[in-house]
Amino acid sequence: MAVVSTELLASQARLLADMIETLPVSLAPVDQHARCRDLVAQLERALSALPAQALG
């Protein structure tokens, strides 16, 4: 089983937040929207793989 890094999760979450924030002024909003959806899916998978000990 792969080890999930909470630092990587935090980094990806910050990237997603930045992308969502700039979405209204993006030069390629459709592409950026698709990338945001991909990041959400990645974060969802990573969070579900995170051991319960990391949450407490």
PDB file of N, CA and C in Angstrom:
ATOM      1  N   MET A   1       0.844  -1.188   0.000  1.00  0.00           N
ATOM      2  CA  MET A   1       0.000   0.000   0.000  1.00  0.00           C
ATOM      3  C   MET A   1       0.885   1.246   0.000  1.00  0.00           C
ATOM      4  N   ALA A   2       0.530   2.189  -0.810  1.00  0.00           N
ATOM      5  CA  ALA A   2       1.320   3.413  -0.914  1.00  0.00           C
ATOM      6  C   ALA A   2       1.110   4.289   0.305  1.00  0.00           C
ATOM      7  N   VAL A   3       2.164   4.951   0.697  1.00  0.00           N
ATOM      8  CA  VAL A   3       2.094   5.880   1.816  1.00  0.00           C
ATOM      9  C   VAL A   3       1.644   7.234   1.277  1.00  0.00           C
ATOM     10  N   VAL A   4       0.637   7.797   1.917  1.00  0.00           N
ATOM     11  CA  VAL A   4       0.108   9.101   1.506  1.00  0.00           C
ATOM     12  C   VAL A   4       0.767  10.176   2.342  1.00  0.00           C
ATOM     13  N   SER A   5       1.346  11.156   1.700  1.00  0.00           N
ATOM     14  CA  SER A   5       2.006  12.251   2.391  1.00  0.00           C
ATOM     15  C   SER A   5       1.009  13.376   2.649  1.00  0.00           C
ATOM     16  N   THR A   6       0.880  13.741   3.910  1.00  0.00           N
ATOM     17  CA  THR A   6      -0.018  14.856   4.230  1.00  0.00           C
ATOM     18  C   THR A   6       0.519  16.161   3.660  1.00  0.00           C
ATOM     19  N   GLU A   7       1.831  16.266   3.519  1.00  0.00           N
ATOM     20  CA  GLU A   7       2.408  17.467   2.904  1.00  0.00           C
ATOM     21  C   GLU A   7       2.012  17.554   1.434  1.00  0.00           C
ATOM     22  N   LEU A   8       2.017  16.407   0.749  1.00  0.00           N
ATOM     23  CA  LEU A   8       1.601  16.393  -0.649  1.00  0.00           C
ATOM     24  C   LEU A   8       0.115  16.747  -0.770  1.00  0.00           C
ATOM     25  N   LEU A   9      -0.694  16.215   0.138  1.00  0.00           N
ATOM     26  CA  LEU A   9      -2.121  16.547   0.136  1.00  0.00           C
ATOM     27  C   LEU A   9      -2.316  18.043   0.323  1.00  0.00           C
ATOM     28  N   ALA A  10      -1.599  18.624   1.251  1.00  0.00           N
ATOM     29  CA  ALA A  10      -1.718  20.061   1.510  1.00  0.00           C
ATOM     30  C   ALA A  10      -1.285  20.871   0.292  1.00  0.00           C
ATOM     31  N   SER A  11      -0.212  20.437  -0.332  1.00  0.00           N
ATOM     32  CA  SER A  11       0.284  21.128  -1.517  1.00  0.00           C
ATOM     33  C   SER A  11      -0.736  21.065  -2.651  1.00  0.00           C
ATOM     34  N   GLN A  12      -1.308  19.896  -2.878  1.00  0.00           N
ATOM     35  CA  GLN A  12      -2.308  19.740  -3.928  1.00  0.00           C
ATOM     36  C   GLN A  12      -3.565  20.554  -3.610  1.00  0.00           C
ATOM     37  N   ALA A  13      -3.938  20.602  -2.337  1.00  0.00           N
ATOM     38  CA  ALA A  13      -5.113  21.386  -1.940  1.00  0.00           C
ATOM     39  C   ALA A  13      -4.873  22.877  -2.187  1.00  0.00           C
ATOM     40  N   ARG A  14      -3.654  23.354  -1.889  1.00  0.00           N
ATOM     41  CA  ARG A  14      -3.334  24.763  -2.152  1.00  0.00           C
ATOM     42  C   ARG A  14      -3.356  25.053  -3.651  1.00  0.00           C
ATOM     43  N   LEU A  15      -2.822  24.124  -4.446  1.00  0.00           N
ATOM     44  CA  LEU A  15      -2.844  24.281  -5.900  1.00  0.00           C
ATOM     45  C   LEU A  15      -4.284  24.359  -6.396  1.00  0.00           C
ATOM     46  N   LEU A  16      -5.135  23.473  -5.893  1.00  0.00           N
ATOM     47  CA  LEU A  16      -6.544  23.482  -6.285  1.00  0.00           C
ATOM     48  C   LEU A  16      -7.199  24.807  -5.904  1.00  0.00           C
ATOM     49  N   ALA A  17      -6.942  25.284  -4.696  1.00  0.00           N
ATOM     50  CA  ALA A  17      -7.522  26.556  -4.255  1.00  0.00           C
ATOM     51  C   ALA A  17      -7.082  27.701  -5.160  1.00  0.00           C
ATOM     52  N   ASP A  18      -5.807  27.730  -5.514  1.00  0.00           N
ATOM     53  CA  ASP A  18      -5.303  28.775  -6.412  1.00  0.00           C
ATOM     54  C   ASP A  18      -5.969  28.690  -7.782  1.00  0.00           C
ATOM     55  N   MET A  19      -6.126  27.472  -8.286  1.00  0.00           N
ATOM     56  CA  MET A  19      -6.742  27.303  -9.602  1.00  0.00           C
ATOM     57  C   MET A  19      -8.210  27.717  -9.585  1.00  0.00           C
ATOM     58  N   ILE A  20      -8.915  27.382  -8.511  1.00  0.00           N
ATOM     59  CA  ILE A  20     -10.325  27.765  -8.398  1.00  0.00           C
ATOM     60  C   ILE A  20     -10.445  29.278  -8.305  1.00  0.00           C
ATOM     61  N   GLU A  21      -9.544  29.890  -7.557  1.00  0.00           N
ATOM     62  CA  GLU A  21      -9.581  31.346  -7.383  1.00  0.00           C
ATOM     63  C   GLU A  21      -9.362  32.073  -8.702  1.00  0.00           C
ATOM     64  N   THR A  22      -8.499  31.542  -9.556  1.00  0.00           N
ATOM     65  CA  THR A  22      -8.188  32.217 -10.828  1.00  0.00           C
ATOM     66  C   THR A  22      -9.066  31.743 -11.982  1.00  0.00           C
ATOM     67  N   LEU A  23      -9.940  30.797 -11.735  1.00  0.00           N
ATOM     68  CA  LEU A  23     -10.795  30.264 -12.790  1.00  0.00           C
ATOM     69  C   LEU A  23     -11.590  31.339 -13.533  1.00  0.00           C
ATOM     70  N   PRO A  24     -12.177  32.323 -12.838  1.00  0.00           N
ATOM     71  CA  PRO A  24     -12.971  33.335 -13.565  1.00  0.00           C
ATOM     72  C   PRO A  24     -12.166  34.167 -14.566  1.00  0.00           C
ATOM     73  N   VAL A  25     -10.856  34.280 -14.390  1.00  0.00           N
ATOM     74  CA  VAL A  25     -10.040  35.091 -15.301  1.00  0.00           C
ATOM     75  C   VAL A  25      -9.078  34.237 -16.120  1.00  0.00           C
ATOM     76  N   SER A  26      -9.280  32.950 -16.109  1.00  0.00           N
ATOM     77  CA  SER A  26      -8.395  32.039 -16.824  1.00  0.00           C
ATOM     78  C   SER A  26      -8.499  32.241 -18.334  1.00  0.00           C
ATOM     79  N   LEU A  27      -7.366  32.069 -19.018  1.00  0.00           N
ATOM     80  CA  LEU A  27      -7.364  32.157 -20.479  1.00  0.00           C
ATOM     81  C   LEU A  27      -7.929  30.877 -21.105  1.00  0.00           C
ATOM     82  N   ALA A  28      -7.935  29.793 -20.352  1.00  0.00           N
ATOM     83  CA  ALA A  28      -8.461  28.517 -20.836  1.00  0.00           C
ATOM     84  C   ALA A  28      -9.350  27.917 -19.740  1.00  0.00           C
ATOM     85  N   PRO A  29     -10.516  28.530 -19.500  1.00  0.00           N
ATOM     86  CA  PRO A  29     -11.342  28.101 -18.373  1.00  0.00           C
ATOM     87  C   PRO A  29     -11.811  26.651 -18.463  1.00  0.00           C
ATOM     88  N   VAL A  30     -12.074  26.157 -19.652  1.00  0.00           N
ATOM     89  CA  VAL A  30     -12.541  24.775 -19.785  1.00  0.00           C
ATOM     90  C   VAL A  30     -11.430  23.809 -19.370  1.00  0.00           C
ATOM     91  N   ASP A  31     -10.220  24.087 -19.823  1.00  0.00           N
ATOM     92  CA  ASP A  31      -9.087  23.243 -19.449  1.00  0.00           C
ATOM     93  C   ASP A  31      -8.802  23.337 -17.959  1.00  0.00           C
ATOM     94  N   GLN A  32      -8.871  24.546 -17.421  1.00  0.00           N
ATOM     95  CA  GLN A  32      -8.599  24.735 -15.996  1.00  0.00           C
ATOM     96  C   GLN A  32      -9.687  24.063 -15.154  1.00  0.00           C
ATOM     97  N   HIS A  33     -10.916  24.139 -15.601  1.00  0.00           N
ATOM     98  CA  HIS A  33     -12.022  23.478 -14.900  1.00  0.00           C
ATOM     99  C   HIS A  33     -11.780  21.967 -14.883  1.00  0.00           C
ATOM    100  N   ALA A  34     -11.367  21.405 -15.995  1.00  0.00           N
ATOM    101  CA  ALA A  34     -11.085  19.972 -16.067  1.00  0.00           C
ATOM    102  C   ALA A  34      -9.939  19.602 -15.138  1.00  0.00           C
ATOM    103  N   ARG A  35      -8.924  20.435 -15.077  1.00  0.00           N
ATOM    104  CA  ARG A  35      -7.780  20.171 -14.184  1.00  0.00           C
ATOM    105  C   ARG A  35      -8.226  20.242 -12.727  1.00  0.00           C
ATOM    106  N   CYS A  36      -9.100  21.183 -12.399  1.00  0.00           N
ATOM    107  CA  CYS A  36      -9.629  21.282 -11.036  1.00  0.00           C
ATOM    108  C   CYS A  36     -10.382  20.008 -10.673  1.00  0.00           C
ATOM    109  N   ARG A  37     -11.190  19.516 -11.592  1.00  0.00           N
ATOM    110  CA  ARG A  37     -11.935  18.281 -11.340  1.00  0.00           C
ATOM    111  C   ARG A  37     -10.988  17.104 -11.140  1.00  0.00           C
ATOM    112  N   ASP A  38      -9.911  17.054 -11.918  1.00  0.00           N
ATOM    113  CA  ASP A  38      -8.905  15.997 -11.746  1.00  0.00           C
ATOM    114  C   ASP A  38      -8.254  16.081 -10.368  1.00  0.00           C
ATOM    115  N   LEU A  39      -7.913  17.297  -9.947  1.00  0.00           N
ATOM    116  CA  LEU A  39      -7.300  17.482  -8.633  1.00  0.00           C
ATOM    117  C   LEU A  39      -8.249  17.083  -7.512  1.00  0.00           C
ATOM    118  N   VAL A  40      -9.520  17.410  -7.659  1.00  0.00           N
ATOM    119  CA  VAL A  40     -10.512  17.017  -6.648  1.00  0.00           C
ATOM    120  C   VAL A  40     -10.561  15.494  -6.549  1.00  0.00           C
ATOM    121  N   ALA A  41     -10.573  14.818  -7.685  1.00  0.00           N
ATOM    122  CA  ALA A  41     -10.612  13.348  -7.690  1.00  0.00           C
ATOM    123  C   ALA A  41      -9.351  12.769  -7.053  1.00  0.00           C
ATOM    124  N   GLN A  42      -8.190  13.347  -7.354  1.00  0.00           N
ATOM    125  CA  GLN A  42      -6.934  12.885  -6.763  1.00  0.00           C
ATOM    126  C   GLN A  42      -6.954  13.069  -5.250  1.00  0.00           C
ATOM    127  N   LEU A  43      -7.415  14.237  -4.807  1.00  0.00           N
ATOM    128  CA  LEU A  43      -7.475  14.503  -3.371  1.00  0.00           C
ATOM    129  C   LEU A  43      -8.452  13.549  -2.684  1.00  0.00           C
ATOM    130  N   GLU A  44      -9.566  13.279  -3.325  1.00  0.00           N
ATOM    131  CA  GLU A  44     -10.539  12.355  -2.747  1.00  0.00           C
ATOM    132  C   GLU A  44      -9.927  10.964  -2.569  1.00  0.00           C
ATOM    133  N   ARG A  45      -9.232  10.481  -3.593  1.00  0.00           N
ATOM    134  CA  ARG A  45      -8.584   9.160  -3.494  1.00  0.00           C
ATOM    135  C   ARG A  45      -7.507   9.156  -2.420  1.00  0.00           C
ATOM    136  N   ALA A  46      -6.716  10.211  -2.367  1.00  0.00           N
ATOM    137  CA  ALA A  46      -5.633  10.275  -1.391  1.00  0.00           C
ATOM    138  C   ALA A  46      -6.179  10.350   0.036  1.00  0.00           C
ATOM    139  N   LEU A  47      -7.226  11.127   0.226  1.00  0.00           N
ATOM    140  CA  LEU A  47      -7.820  11.236   1.565  1.00  0.00           C
ATOM    141  C   LEU A  47      -8.424   9.912   2.015  1.00  0.00           C
ATOM    142  N   SER A  48      -9.021   9.195   1.099  1.00  0.00           N
ATOM    143  CA  SER A  48      -9.608   7.906   1.479  1.00  0.00           C
ATOM    144  C   SER A  48      -8.521   6.877   1.794  1.00  0.00           C
ATOM    145  N   ALA A  49      -7.333   7.060   1.251  1.00  0.00           N
ATOM    146  CA  ALA A  49      -6.222   6.143   1.512  1.00  0.00           C
ATOM    147  C   ALA A  49      -5.441   6.523   2.763  1.00  0.00           C
ATOM    148  N   LEU A  50      -5.730   7.704   3.298  1.00  0.00           N
ATOM    149  CA  LEU A  50      -5.017   8.186   4.478  1.00  0.00           C
ATOM    150  C   LEU A  50      -5.398   7.348   5.687  1.00  0.00           C
ATOM    151  N   PRO A  51      -4.411   6.826   6.401  1.00  0.00           N
ATOM    152  CA  PRO A  51      -4.723   6.008   7.578  1.00  0.00           C
ATOM    153  C   PRO A  51      -5.417   6.835   8.668  1.00  0.00           C
ATOM    154  N   ALA A  52      -6.288   6.181   9.411  1.00  0.00           N
ATOM    155  CA  ALA A  52      -7.060   6.865  10.454  1.00  0.00           C
ATOM    156  C   ALA A  52      -6.139   7.536  11.483  1.00  0.00           C
ATOM    157  N   GLN A  53      -4.964   6.968  11.731  1.00  0.00           N
ATOM    158  CA  GLN A  53      -4.033   7.544  12.694  1.00  0.00           C
ATOM    159  C   GLN A  53      -3.580   8.938  12.280  1.00  0.00           C
ATOM    160  N   ALA A  54      -3.538   9.199  10.978  1.00  0.00           N
ATOM    161  CA  ALA A  54      -3.093  10.500  10.495  1.00  0.00           C
ATOM    162  C   ALA A  54      -4.163  11.571  10.724  1.00  0.00           C
ATOM    163  N   LEU A  55      -5.375  11.156  10.972  1.00  0.00           N
ATOM    164  CA  LEU A  55      -6.459  12.113  11.153  1.00  0.00           C
ATOM    165  C   LEU A  55      -6.644  12.560  12.589  1.00  0.00           C
ATOM    166  N   GLY A  56      -5.995  11.856  13.521  1.00  0.00           N
ATOM    167  CA  GLY A  56      -6.225  12.195  14.924  1.00  0.00           C
ATOM    168  C   GLY A  56      -5.053  12.642  15.591  1.00  0.00           C
TER     169      GLY A  56
END
